[in-house]
Amino acid sequence: MSRVSTPAFLSLPDGVRAHRLPTSRGEFAALEAGPGDGPLVVLVPGWTGSKEDYIAVLAPLAQAGYHALALDQRGQYETPGTGREADYTLLALAADLAAVAEHSADPSQDIHIVGHSFGGLVARSAVLGHPELAASLTLLCSGPAAIPTERRALLQAMADAIPAVGLQATWEAKRAYELSLGAPVVPAEIERFLERRFLSNDPVSLRTMTQHLISAPDEVDALADTGVPALVAFGDADDGWPTHLQTDMAHRLGARLAVIERAGHSPAVERPNETVATLTAFWAAIYRPASRVP
């Protein structure tokens, strides 16, 4: 499986604020920037990730006139978990995402949903359940279904390890494996953050998300039937879902396809300016006034 998204910095840029969003489904930790009356962009992190994976794109999106919001999903990092597996189904996580979007926008605002990696599976579930909510959907380094068979053994091993040995031992094994594959050594502050973020996860949440990566069904055709405009984007060196599967998914969706050069599985971290340019060009191309029912 691809390496963990690793923010290059943690200090909040000017204009970016950290706070908690009170919604009908509980509170969610978020980073937010931009005008409150601009089109809303909801940025959903992936497996083992967090809102900080988008820290480098928030200010540029705000400067482009968007109200940008990155969240920790339920049980991720600073959003509390429940310890109940039923709260981490794709449908339940999608309901959380819909509640965040509805809380953060009024009916006059377009809502653009961006899901990175596992976050793409959640984002598409939200659009399938609430197609009227989204002006667009971006699947960023995400795939049509579960991770391919040959990549599932490591994920299953991690899912099994979490209840067996706990998060600390699981983190140490996971990080050692990533470094053995050539993951770059990062500054001590970032390394401490990566460990703290991993250990802050609700173990049930993390295990269930891992299982979704192993078993998620293909819902591309149903997503295409919603008619919601879609963008499929990935780095040219993405090591998550094979890029040919993502390309095929774009064709099946009738979606716009974008390949971000000199990026891997985390373009928002690795090539933030290019990622913002890709997103804003897509939104400009499909712009239409918001028409959601109040």
Protein backbone atom coordinates (compact mmCIF):
# COMPACT_ATOMS: atom_id res chain seq x y z
CA MET A 1 0.00 0.00 0.00
CA SER A 2 1.12 3.56 -0.64
CA ARG A 3 2.99 5.53 1.96
CA VAL A 4 1.28 7.74 4.50
CA SER A 5 0.55 11.34 3.48
CA THR A 6 3.20 13.44 5.17
CA PRO A 7 2.60 17.20 5.46
CA ALA A 8 5.68 19.29 4.75
CA PHE A 9 4.78 21.74 7.53
CA LEU A 10 2.31 22.08 10.40
CA SER A 11 2.17 25.82 11.17
CA LEU A 12 -1.12 27.20 9.95
CA PRO A 13 -0.72 29.68 7.08
CA ASP A 14 -2.21 33.14 7.43
CA GLY A 15 -5.95 32.99 7.12
CA VAL A 16 -6.23 29.29 7.98
CA ARG A 17 -8.02 28.54 11.24
CA ALA A 18 -8.47 25.37 13.27
CA HIS A 19 -11.76 24.77 15.02
CA ARG A 20 -14.53 22.26 15.64
CA LEU A 21 -17.67 22.07 13.54
CA PRO A 22 -20.87 21.30 15.43
CA THR A 23 -23.17 19.26 13.18
CA SER A 24 -26.26 17.10 13.49
CA ARG A 25 -23.90 14.11 13.71
CA GLY A 26 -21.49 15.49 16.30
CA GLU A 27 -18.39 17.66 16.26
CA PHE A 28 -15.66 17.37 13.66
CA ALA A 29 -12.17 18.84 13.82
CA ALA A 30 -11.46 21.04 10.82
CA LEU A 31 -9.07 23.45 9.17
CA GLU A 32 -10.84 26.21 7.29
CA ALA A 33 -9.97 29.19 5.12
CA GLY A 34 -11.58 31.58 2.70
CA PRO A 35 -14.72 33.66 2.40
CA GLY A 36 -17.77 32.18 4.07
CA ASP A 37 -19.93 33.06 1.07
CA GLY A 38 -17.62 31.50 -1.52
CA PRO A 39 -18.25 28.10 -3.09
CA LEU A 40 -17.57 25.48 -0.43
CA VAL A 41 -14.80 22.93 -0.97
CA VAL A 42 -14.91 20.00 1.46
CA LEU A 43 -11.60 18.11 1.53
CA VAL A 44 -11.78 14.54 2.85
CA PRO A 45 -8.56 12.81 3.98
CA GLY A 46 -7.61 9.23 3.32
CA TRP A 47 -6.59 6.16 5.28
CA THR A 48 -4.29 7.03 8.23
CA GLY A 49 -4.55 10.66 7.13
CA SER A 50 -6.03 13.85 8.55
CA LYS A 51 -7.02 17.40 7.70
CA GLU A 52 -3.33 18.37 7.80
CA ASP A 53 -2.82 16.52 4.51
CA TYR A 54 -4.51 19.53 2.89
CA ILE A 55 -2.73 22.25 4.86
CA ALA A 56 -0.77 23.49 1.83
CA VAL A 57 -3.80 23.94 -0.45
CA LEU A 58 -6.16 25.77 1.92
CA ALA A 59 -4.73 29.27 1.58
CA PRO A 60 -4.37 29.06 -2.23
CA LEU A 61 -7.98 27.88 -2.51
CA ALA A 62 -9.07 30.76 -0.30
CA GLN A 63 -7.11 33.20 -2.45
CA ALA A 64 -9.00 31.83 -5.47
CA GLY A 65 -12.28 32.74 -3.78
CA TYR A 66 -13.26 29.36 -2.34
CA HIS A 67 -14.38 28.53 1.18
CA ALA A 68 -12.04 25.60 1.83
CA LEU A 69 -12.63 23.13 4.65
CA ALA A 70 -10.55 20.06 5.50
CA LEU A 71 -11.84 17.71 8.18
CA ASP A 72 -10.79 14.75 10.26
CA GLN A 73 -13.33 12.00 9.69
CA ARG A 74 -15.02 10.33 12.64
CA GLY A 75 -12.36 8.58 14.72
CA GLN A 76 -9.48 10.19 12.79
CA TYR A 77 -6.88 12.20 14.72
CA GLU A 78 -8.72 15.07 16.46
CA THR A 79 -12.31 14.06 15.72
CA PRO A 80 -13.55 11.78 18.51
CA GLY A 81 -14.50 8.23 17.75
CA THR A 82 -17.20 6.04 19.22
CA GLY A 83 -15.58 2.61 19.31
CA ARG A 84 -18.63 1.21 17.47
CA GLU A 85 -17.96 -0.46 14.14
CA ALA A 86 -21.43 0.48 12.87
CA ASP A 87 -20.41 4.15 12.99
CA TYR A 88 -17.63 3.55 10.45
CA THR A 89 -19.47 1.95 7.56
CA LEU A 90 -19.06 3.83 4.29
CA LEU A 91 -22.69 4.90 4.57
CA ALA A 92 -22.18 6.24 8.10
CA LEU A 93 -19.00 8.12 7.14
CA ALA A 94 -20.82 9.49 4.09
CA ALA A 95 -23.63 10.73 6.34
CA ASP A 96 -20.99 12.49 8.47
CA LEU A 97 -19.58 14.17 5.37
CA ALA A 98 -23.04 15.29 4.24
CA ALA A 99 -23.70 16.75 7.69
CA VAL A 100 -20.43 18.72 7.59
CA ALA A 101 -21.23 20.07 4.12
CA GLU A 102 -24.79 21.02 5.04
CA HIS A 103 -23.61 22.76 8.21
CA SER A 104 -20.95 24.75 6.37
CA ALA A 105 -22.90 26.00 3.34
CA ASP A 106 -26.23 27.62 2.68
CA PRO A 107 -28.46 26.80 -0.31
CA SER A 108 -26.96 29.61 -2.39
CA GLN A 109 -23.48 28.03 -2.32
CA ASP A 110 -22.09 25.31 -4.54
CA ILE A 111 -20.42 22.43 -2.70
CA HIS A 112 -17.40 20.74 -4.28
CA ILE A 113 -16.34 17.51 -2.58
CA VAL A 114 -12.74 16.28 -2.86
CA GLY A 115 -11.87 12.82 -1.54
CA HIS A 116 -8.26 11.64 -1.30
CA SER A 117 -7.56 7.90 -1.49
CA PHE A 118 -9.87 6.19 1.05
CA GLY A 119 -11.57 9.57 1.38
CA GLY A 120 -12.65 9.13 -2.22
CA LEU A 121 -14.63 6.03 -1.28
CA VAL A 122 -16.40 8.06 1.41
CA ALA A 123 -16.94 11.03 -0.91
CA ARG A 124 -18.52 8.91 -3.63
CA SER A 125 -20.83 7.28 -1.04
CA ALA A 126 -21.92 10.76 0.04
CA VAL A 127 -22.68 11.73 -3.56
CA LEU A 128 -24.56 8.47 -4.17
CA GLY A 129 -26.70 9.14 -1.11
CA HIS A 130 -27.08 12.90 -1.63
CA PRO A 131 -26.48 13.73 -5.31
CA GLU A 132 -28.34 17.02 -4.92
CA LEU A 133 -25.74 18.14 -2.37
CA ALA A 134 -22.71 18.21 -4.65
CA ALA A 135 -21.90 20.56 -7.51
CA SER A 136 -18.95 18.29 -8.25
CA LEU A 137 -16.91 15.36 -7.00
CA THR A 138 -13.14 14.98 -7.27
CA LEU A 139 -11.58 11.57 -6.72
CA LEU A 140 -7.94 12.31 -5.92
CA CYS A 141 -5.68 9.25 -6.09
CA SER A 142 -8.69 7.06 -5.36
CA GLY A 143 -10.03 3.99 -7.11
CA PRO A 144 -13.15 2.29 -8.43
CA ALA A 145 -13.33 -0.33 -5.68
CA ALA A 146 -11.11 -2.15 -3.20
CA ILE A 147 -7.35 -2.03 -3.56
CA PRO A 148 -6.22 -4.71 -6.09
CA THR A 149 -5.85 -8.23 -4.73
CA GLU A 150 -2.05 -8.29 -4.73
CA ARG A 151 -1.93 -5.31 -2.35
CA ARG A 152 -4.40 -6.56 0.21
CA ALA A 153 -2.21 -8.86 2.31
CA LEU A 154 -0.37 -6.00 4.04
CA LEU A 155 -3.63 -4.20 4.74
CA GLN A 156 -5.15 -7.34 6.24
CA ALA A 157 -2.06 -7.83 8.38
CA MET A 158 -2.46 -4.32 9.75
CA ALA A 159 -6.19 -4.79 10.36
CA ASP A 160 -5.39 -7.95 12.30
CA ALA A 161 -2.56 -6.33 14.24
CA ILE A 162 -4.58 -3.39 15.60
CA PRO A 163 -6.72 -5.42 18.06
CA ALA A 164 -3.97 -7.98 18.65
CA VAL A 165 -1.02 -5.77 19.61
CA GLY A 166 -2.46 -2.23 19.81
CA LEU A 167 -1.80 0.97 17.92
CA GLN A 168 1.70 1.65 19.27
CA ALA A 169 3.17 -1.66 18.11
CA THR A 170 1.22 -1.44 14.85
CA TRP A 171 2.61 2.03 14.20
CA GLU A 172 6.19 0.95 14.88
CA ALA A 173 5.90 -1.98 12.48
CA LYS A 174 4.17 0.09 9.81
CA ARG A 175 6.67 2.94 10.00
CA ALA A 176 9.65 0.59 9.93
CA TYR A 177 8.23 -1.05 6.81
CA GLU A 178 7.69 2.32 5.09
CA LEU A 179 11.24 3.42 5.85
CA SER A 180 12.56 0.10 4.56
CA LEU A 181 10.87 0.88 1.24
CA GLY A 182 12.66 4.21 1.00
CA ALA A 183 10.21 6.62 2.59
CA PRO A 184 12.16 9.82 3.21
CA VAL A 185 13.36 10.65 6.70
CA VAL A 186 11.39 13.72 7.79
CA PRO A 187 12.13 16.43 10.38
CA ALA A 188 11.63 15.35 13.98
CA GLU A 189 8.56 17.59 14.39
CA ILE A 190 6.84 15.92 11.43
CA GLU A 191 7.81 12.43 12.61
CA ARG A 192 6.32 13.15 16.04
CA PHE A 193 3.15 14.41 14.37
CA LEU A 194 2.82 11.28 12.23
CA GLU A 195 3.11 9.07 15.31
CA ARG A 196 0.76 11.23 17.38
CA ARG A 197 -1.82 11.26 14.59
CA PHE A 198 -1.72 7.50 14.16
CA LEU A 199 -2.01 6.84 17.90
CA SER A 200 -4.90 9.30 18.21
CA ASN A 201 -7.10 7.26 15.88
CA ASP A 202 -9.98 5.28 17.30
CA PRO A 203 -8.64 1.73 16.83
CA VAL A 204 -12.05 0.52 15.65
CA SER A 205 -12.22 3.35 13.11
CA LEU A 206 -8.75 2.62 11.74
CA ARG A 207 -9.35 -1.11 11.55
CA THR A 208 -12.71 -0.65 9.82
CA MET A 209 -11.31 1.83 7.30
CA THR A 210 -8.56 -0.68 6.53
CA GLN A 211 -11.17 -3.36 5.92
CA HIS A 212 -13.04 -1.05 3.53
CA LEU A 213 -9.89 -0.73 1.43
CA ILE A 214 -9.88 -4.53 1.16
CA SER A 215 -13.57 -5.03 0.42
CA ALA A 216 -15.16 -1.88 -1.07
CA PRO A 217 -17.49 -2.68 -3.99
CA ASP A 218 -17.33 -1.11 -7.44
CA GLU A 219 -19.97 1.63 -7.55
CA VAL A 220 -18.67 3.56 -10.54
CA ASP A 221 -21.71 2.93 -12.75
CA ALA A 222 -24.11 4.06 -10.03
CA LEU A 223 -21.97 7.16 -9.49
CA ALA A 224 -22.10 7.94 -13.21
CA ASP A 225 -25.88 7.67 -13.11
CA THR A 226 -26.09 10.54 -10.58
CA GLY A 227 -24.95 12.98 -13.25
CA VAL A 228 -22.74 14.83 -10.77
CA PRO A 229 -19.72 16.28 -12.64
CA ALA A 230 -16.57 14.40 -11.69
CA LEU A 231 -12.82 14.80 -11.89
CA VAL A 232 -10.38 11.90 -11.53
CA ALA A 233 -6.90 13.17 -10.68
CA PHE A 234 -3.71 11.45 -9.59
CA GLY A 235 0.04 11.90 -9.49
CA ASP A 236 2.04 10.47 -12.35
CA ALA A 237 3.92 8.33 -9.80
CA ASP A 238 0.88 7.34 -7.72
CA ASP A 239 1.51 4.05 -5.90
CA GLY A 240 -2.00 3.54 -4.52
CA TRP A 241 -4.55 2.26 -7.01
CA PRO A 242 -2.81 1.52 -10.32
CA THR A 243 -3.14 4.54 -12.58
CA HIS A 244 -4.68 2.47 -15.40
CA LEU A 245 -7.58 1.60 -13.07
CA GLN A 246 -8.06 5.26 -12.21
CA THR A 247 -7.96 6.18 -15.89
CA ASP A 248 -10.54 3.52 -16.71
CA MET A 249 -12.71 4.82 -13.86
CA ALA A 250 -12.60 8.30 -15.39
CA HIS A 251 -13.75 6.92 -18.73
CA ARG A 252 -16.60 4.99 -17.12
CA LEU A 253 -17.71 8.11 -15.25
CA GLY A 254 -17.42 10.34 -18.28
CA ALA A 255 -15.21 12.38 -15.98
CA ARG A 256 -12.44 14.85 -16.60
CA LEU A 257 -9.01 13.24 -16.15
CA ALA A 258 -5.94 15.04 -14.82
CA VAL A 259 -2.44 13.68 -14.20
CA ILE A 260 -0.37 15.83 -11.85
CA GLU A 261 3.27 15.65 -12.86
CA ARG A 262 6.05 14.93 -10.35
CA ALA A 263 3.54 13.78 -7.74
CA GLY A 264 2.89 10.45 -6.10
CA HIS A 265 -0.08 9.41 -3.97
CA SER A 266 -0.42 12.76 -2.16
CA PRO A 267 -0.48 15.60 -4.71
CA ALA A 268 -1.97 18.07 -2.22
CA VAL A 269 1.21 17.62 -0.17
CA GLU A 270 3.74 17.09 -2.94
CA ARG A 271 2.50 19.55 -5.59
CA PRO A 272 0.00 21.84 -3.86
CA ASN A 273 -0.01 24.66 -6.40
CA GLU A 274 -0.49 22.26 -9.29
CA THR A 275 -3.24 20.49 -7.37
CA VAL A 276 -5.07 23.77 -6.73
CA ALA A 277 -4.71 24.73 -10.40
CA THR A 278 -6.15 21.36 -11.45
CA LEU A 279 -9.11 21.67 -9.10
CA THR A 280 -9.98 25.29 -9.89
CA ALA A 281 -9.74 24.70 -13.65
CA PHE A 282 -12.21 21.82 -13.30
CA TRP A 283 -14.64 23.86 -11.20
CA ALA A 284 -14.47 26.78 -13.62
CA ALA A 285 -15.22 24.45 -16.52
CA ILE A 286 -18.37 23.00 -14.93
CA TYR A 287 -19.57 26.14 -13.15
CA ARG A 288 -23.31 26.49 -12.76
CA PRO A 289 -25.26 28.42 -10.10
CA ALA A 290 -26.14 26.44 -7.00
CA SER A 291 -29.63 24.95 -7.13
CA ARG A 292 -29.89 22.95 -3.94
CA VAL A 293 -33.24 22.89 -2.18
CA PRO A 294 -33.13 24.81 1.15
